[in-house]
């Protein structure tokens, strides 16, 4: 079971459409790549090739 992390300032922002967008800060704090093609993925995951750089 994965641990739920409390959100802190700088972990996300709201897009113009109102969606919550997680930042690289949050992804690094989480500690793993979810392979969803996140906009700010610090792990280098490429959704098109299904690989991490």
PDB file of N, CA and C in Angstrom:
ATOM      1  N   UNK A   1       0.840  -1.174   0.000  1.00  0.00           N
ATOM      2  CA  UNK A   1       0.000   0.000   0.000  1.00  0.00           C
ATOM      3  C   UNK A   1       0.888   1.241   0.000  1.00  0.00           C
ATOM      4  N   UNK A   2       0.546   2.231  -0.814  1.00  0.00           N
ATOM      5  CA  UNK A   2       1.353   3.445  -0.923  1.00  0.00           C
ATOM      6  C   UNK A   2       0.949   4.453   0.132  1.00  0.00           C
ATOM      7  N   UNK A   3       1.943   5.190   0.593  1.00  0.00           N
ATOM      8  CA  UNK A   3       1.720   6.185   1.631  1.00  0.00           C
ATOM      9  C   UNK A   3       1.112   7.449   1.030  1.00  0.00           C
ATOM     10  N   UNK A   4       0.129   8.024   1.705  1.00  0.00           N
ATOM     11  CA  UNK A   4      -0.486   9.271   1.266  1.00  0.00           C
ATOM     12  C   UNK A   4       0.351  10.429   1.795  1.00  0.00           C
ATOM     13  N   UNK A   5       0.788  11.299   0.881  1.00  0.00           N
ATOM     14  CA  UNK A   5       1.612  12.442   1.263  1.00  0.00           C
ATOM     15  C   UNK A   5       0.745  13.686   1.382  1.00  0.00           C
ATOM     16  N   UNK A   6       0.904  14.441   2.475  1.00  0.00           N
ATOM     17  CA  UNK A   6       0.153  15.695   2.566  1.00  0.00           C
ATOM     18  C   UNK A   6       0.697  16.698   1.549  1.00  0.00           C
ATOM     19  N   UNK A   7      -0.196  17.461   0.943  1.00  0.00           N
ATOM     20  CA  UNK A   7       0.230  18.460  -0.038  1.00  0.00           C
ATOM     21  C   UNK A   7       0.750  19.701   0.676  1.00  0.00           C
ATOM     22  N   UNK A   8       1.847  20.222   0.152  1.00  0.00           N
ATOM     23  CA  UNK A   8       2.467  21.422   0.700  1.00  0.00           C
ATOM     24  C   UNK A   8       2.531  22.485  -0.379  1.00  0.00           C
ATOM     25  N   UNK A   9       2.836  23.708   0.002  1.00  0.00           N
ATOM     26  CA  UNK A   9       2.971  24.786  -0.956  1.00  0.00           C
ATOM     27  C   UNK A   9       4.055  24.442  -1.970  1.00  0.00           C
ATOM     28  N   UNK A  10       3.761  24.631  -3.237  1.00  0.00           N
ATOM     29  CA  UNK A  10       4.710  24.329  -4.299  1.00  0.00           C
ATOM     30  C   UNK A  10       4.578  22.932  -4.864  1.00  0.00           C
ATOM     31  N   UNK A  11       3.697  22.106  -4.299  1.00  0.00           N
ATOM     32  CA  UNK A  11       3.507  20.740  -4.798  1.00  0.00           C
ATOM     33  C   UNK A  11       2.627  20.699  -6.042  1.00  0.00           C
ATOM     34  N   UNK A  12       1.781  21.709  -6.236  1.00  0.00           N
ATOM     35  CA  UNK A  12       0.888  21.720  -7.381  1.00  0.00           C
ATOM     36  C   UNK A  12       0.438  23.140  -7.686  1.00  0.00           C
ATOM     37  N   UNK A  13      -0.148  23.299  -8.865  1.00  0.00           N
ATOM     38  CA  UNK A  13      -0.818  24.545  -9.216  1.00  0.00           C
ATOM     39  C   UNK A  13      -2.064  24.183 -10.005  1.00  0.00           C
ATOM     40  N   UNK A  14      -2.962  25.122 -10.151  1.00  0.00           N
ATOM     41  CA  UNK A  14      -4.188  24.877 -10.909  1.00  0.00           C
ATOM     42  C   UNK A  14      -4.017  25.377 -12.333  1.00  0.00           C
ATOM     43  N   UNK A  15      -4.369  24.528 -13.276  1.00  0.00           N
ATOM     44  CA  UNK A  15      -4.301  24.907 -14.689  1.00  0.00           C
ATOM     45  C   UNK A  15      -5.437  25.891 -14.983  1.00  0.00           C
ATOM     46  N   UNK A  16      -5.385  26.565 -16.127  1.00  0.00           N
ATOM     47  CA  UNK A  16      -6.481  27.476 -16.487  1.00  0.00           C
ATOM     48  C   UNK A  16      -7.840  26.772 -16.549  1.00  0.00           C
ATOM     49  N   UNK A  17      -7.820  25.472 -16.810  1.00  0.00           N
ATOM     50  CA  UNK A  17      -9.063  24.701 -16.868  1.00  0.00           C
ATOM     51  C   UNK A  17      -9.534  24.259 -15.490  1.00  0.00           C
ATOM     52  N   UNK A  18      -8.698  24.475 -14.455  1.00  0.00           N
ATOM     53  CA  UNK A  18      -9.074  24.119 -13.086  1.00  0.00           C
ATOM     54  C   UNK A  18      -8.539  22.786 -12.601  1.00  0.00           C
ATOM     55  N   UNK A  19      -7.673  22.149 -13.393  1.00  0.00           N
ATOM     56  CA  UNK A  19      -7.090  20.870 -12.983  1.00  0.00           C
ATOM     57  C   UNK A  19      -5.892  21.096 -12.065  1.00  0.00           C
ATOM     58  N   UNK A  20      -5.671  20.176 -11.148  1.00  0.00           N
ATOM     59  CA  UNK A  20      -4.510  20.215 -10.270  1.00  0.00           C
ATOM     60  C   UNK A  20      -3.335  19.606 -11.023  1.00  0.00           C
ATOM     61  N   UNK A  21      -2.238  20.356 -11.173  1.00  0.00           N
ATOM     62  CA  UNK A  21      -1.053  19.905 -11.899  1.00  0.00           C
ATOM     63  C   UNK A  21       0.090  19.769 -10.902  1.00  0.00           C
ATOM     64  N   UNK A  22       0.584  18.556 -10.719  1.00  0.00           N
ATOM     65  CA  UNK A  22       1.666  18.327  -9.766  1.00  0.00           C
ATOM     66  C   UNK A  22       3.001  18.780 -10.344  1.00  0.00           C
ATOM     67  N   UNK A  23       3.830  19.371  -9.492  1.00  0.00           N
ATOM     68  CA  UNK A  23       5.133  19.878  -9.900  1.00  0.00           C
ATOM     69  C   UNK A  23       6.204  18.811  -9.692  1.00  0.00           C
ATOM     70  N   UNK A  24       7.400  19.073 -10.223  1.00  0.00           N
ATOM     71  CA  UNK A  24       8.526  18.150 -10.026  1.00  0.00           C
ATOM     72  C   UNK A  24       8.824  17.985  -8.540  1.00  0.00           C
ATOM     73  N   UNK A  25       8.636  19.047  -7.765  1.00  0.00           N
ATOM     74  CA  UNK A  25       8.846  18.982  -6.308  1.00  0.00           C
ATOM     75  C   UNK A  25       8.011  17.863  -5.697  1.00  0.00           C
ATOM     76  N   UNK A  26       6.750  17.786  -6.072  1.00  0.00           N
ATOM     77  CA  UNK A  26       5.874  16.744  -5.535  1.00  0.00           C
ATOM     78  C   UNK A  26       6.301  15.363  -6.007  1.00  0.00           C
ATOM     79  N   UNK A  27       6.609  15.236  -7.302  1.00  0.00           N
ATOM     80  CA  UNK A  27       7.011  13.932  -7.832  1.00  0.00           C
ATOM     81  C   UNK A  27       8.268  13.415  -7.143  1.00  0.00           C
ATOM     82  N   UNK A  28       9.233  14.281  -6.898  1.00  0.00           N
ATOM     83  CA  UNK A  28      10.460  13.864  -6.208  1.00  0.00           C
ATOM     84  C   UNK A  28      10.166  13.462  -4.768  1.00  0.00           C
ATOM     85  N   UNK A  29       9.272  14.174  -4.131  1.00  0.00           N
ATOM     86  CA  UNK A  29       8.900  13.845  -2.748  1.00  0.00           C
ATOM     87  C   UNK A  29       8.206  12.486  -2.702  1.00  0.00           C
ATOM     88  N   UNK A  30       7.394  12.199  -3.741  1.00  0.00           N
ATOM     89  CA  UNK A  30       6.690  10.918  -3.821  1.00  0.00           C
ATOM     90  C   UNK A  30       7.684   9.772  -3.985  1.00  0.00           C
ATOM     91  N   UNK A  31       8.737   9.993  -4.789  1.00  0.00           N
ATOM     92  CA  UNK A  31       9.825   9.027  -4.851  1.00  0.00           C
ATOM     93  C   UNK A  31       9.781   7.995  -5.957  1.00  0.00           C
ATOM     94  N   UNK A  32       8.824   8.052  -6.869  1.00  0.00           N
ATOM     95  CA  UNK A  32       8.779   7.092  -7.959  1.00  0.00           C
ATOM     96  C   UNK A  32       8.018   7.677  -9.139  1.00  0.00           C
ATOM     97  N   UNK A  33       8.196   7.088 -10.302  1.00  0.00           N
ATOM     98  CA  UNK A  33       7.493   7.523 -11.504  1.00  0.00           C
ATOM     99  C   UNK A  33       6.232   6.676 -11.666  1.00  0.00           C
ATOM    100  N   UNK A  34       5.106   7.319 -11.906  1.00  0.00           N
ATOM    101  CA  UNK A  34       3.838   6.603 -12.074  1.00  0.00           C
ATOM    102  C   UNK A  34       3.589   6.209 -13.521  1.00  0.00           C
ATOM    103  N   UNK A  35       4.467   6.623 -14.434  1.00  0.00           N
ATOM    104  CA  UNK A  35       4.378   6.315 -15.865  1.00  0.00           C
ATOM    105  C   UNK A  35       3.058   6.758 -16.488  1.00  0.00           C
ATOM    106  N   UNK A  36       2.569   7.935 -16.074  1.00  0.00           N
ATOM    107  CA  UNK A  36       1.342   8.496 -16.628  1.00  0.00           C
ATOM    108  C   UNK A  36       1.626   9.630 -17.600  1.00  0.00           C
ATOM    109  N   UNK A  37       2.892   9.943 -17.819  1.00  0.00           N
ATOM    110  CA  UNK A  37       3.246  11.031 -18.723  1.00  0.00           C
ATOM    111  C   UNK A  37       3.005  12.398 -18.117  1.00  0.00           C
ATOM    112  N   UNK A  38       3.265  12.547 -16.851  1.00  0.00           N
ATOM    113  CA  UNK A  38       3.029  13.807 -16.137  1.00  0.00           C
ATOM    114  C   UNK A  38       3.827  14.958 -16.765  1.00  0.00           C
ATOM    115  N   UNK A  39       3.232  16.120 -16.786  1.00  0.00           N
ATOM    116  CA  UNK A  39       3.829  17.310 -17.406  1.00  0.00           C
ATOM    117  C   UNK A  39       5.182  17.660 -16.787  1.00  0.00           C
ATOM    118  N   UNK A  40       5.345  17.487 -15.487  1.00  0.00           N
ATOM    119  CA  UNK A  40       6.572  17.892 -14.803  1.00  0.00           C
ATOM    120  C   UNK A  40       7.343  16.696 -14.244  1.00  0.00           C
ATOM    121  N   UNK A  41       7.346  15.589 -14.967  1.00  0.00           N
ATOM    122  CA  UNK A  41       8.015  14.368 -14.500  1.00  0.00           C
ATOM    123  C   UNK A  41       9.530  14.578 -14.422  1.00  0.00           C
ATOM    124  N   UNK A  42      10.120  14.470 -13.214  1.00  0.00           N
ATOM    125  CA  UNK A  42      11.566  14.627 -13.085  1.00  0.00           C
ATOM    126  C   UNK A  42      12.329  13.333 -13.385  1.00  0.00           C
ATOM    127  N   UNK A  43      11.602  12.243 -13.664  1.00  0.00           N
ATOM    128  CA  UNK A  43      12.241  10.953 -13.895  1.00  0.00           C
ATOM    129  C   UNK A  43      12.496  10.678 -15.378  1.00  0.00           C
ATOM    130  N   UNK A  44      12.069  11.590 -16.247  1.00  0.00           N
ATOM    131  CA  UNK A  44      12.355  11.457 -17.668  1.00  0.00           C
ATOM    132  C   UNK A  44      11.491  10.456 -18.408  1.00  0.00           C
ATOM    133  N   UNK A  45      10.329  10.149 -17.883  1.00  0.00           N
ATOM    134  CA  UNK A  45       9.449   9.186 -18.558  1.00  0.00           C
ATOM    135  C   UNK A  45       8.899   9.788 -19.846  1.00  0.00           C
ATOM    136  N   UNK A  46       8.943   9.008 -20.928  1.00  0.00           N
ATOM    137  CA  UNK A  46       8.419   9.427 -22.215  1.00  0.00           C
ATOM    138  C   UNK A  46       7.252   8.507 -22.550  1.00  0.00           C
ATOM    139  N   UNK A  47       6.062   9.062 -22.588  1.00  0.00           N
ATOM    140  CA  UNK A  47       4.860   8.272 -22.831  1.00  0.00           C
ATOM    141  C   UNK A  47       4.852   7.641 -24.223  1.00  0.00           C
ATOM    142  N   UNK A  48       5.456   8.314 -25.199  1.00  0.00           N
ATOM    143  CA  UNK A  48       5.471   7.798 -26.576  1.00  0.00           C
ATOM    144  C   UNK A  48       6.330   6.544 -26.712  1.00  0.00           C
ATOM    145  N   UNK A  49       7.472   6.514 -26.019  1.00  0.00           N
ATOM    146  CA  UNK A  49       8.365   5.357 -26.101  1.00  0.00           C
ATOM    147  C   UNK A  49       8.165   4.386 -24.945  1.00  0.00           C
ATOM    148  N   UNK A  50       7.393   4.790 -23.929  1.00  0.00           N
ATOM    149  CA  UNK A  50       7.143   3.992 -22.733  1.00  0.00           C
ATOM    150  C   UNK A  50       8.453   3.651 -21.999  1.00  0.00           C
ATOM    151  N   UNK A  51       9.393   4.608 -21.995  1.00  0.00           N
ATOM    152  CA  UNK A  51      10.677   4.407 -21.331  1.00  0.00           C
ATOM    153  C   UNK A  51      11.068   5.651 -20.543  1.00  0.00           C
ATOM    154  N   UNK A  52      11.929   5.432 -19.552  1.00  0.00           N
ATOM    155  CA  UNK A  52      12.507   6.543 -18.804  1.00  0.00           C
ATOM    156  C   UNK A  52      13.886   6.838 -19.367  1.00  0.00           C
ATOM    157  N   UNK A  53      14.172   8.125 -19.574  1.00  0.00           N
ATOM    158  CA  UNK A  53      15.473   8.518 -20.116  1.00  0.00           C
ATOM    159  C   UNK A  53      16.552   8.454 -19.074  1.00  0.00           C
TER     160      UNK A  53
END
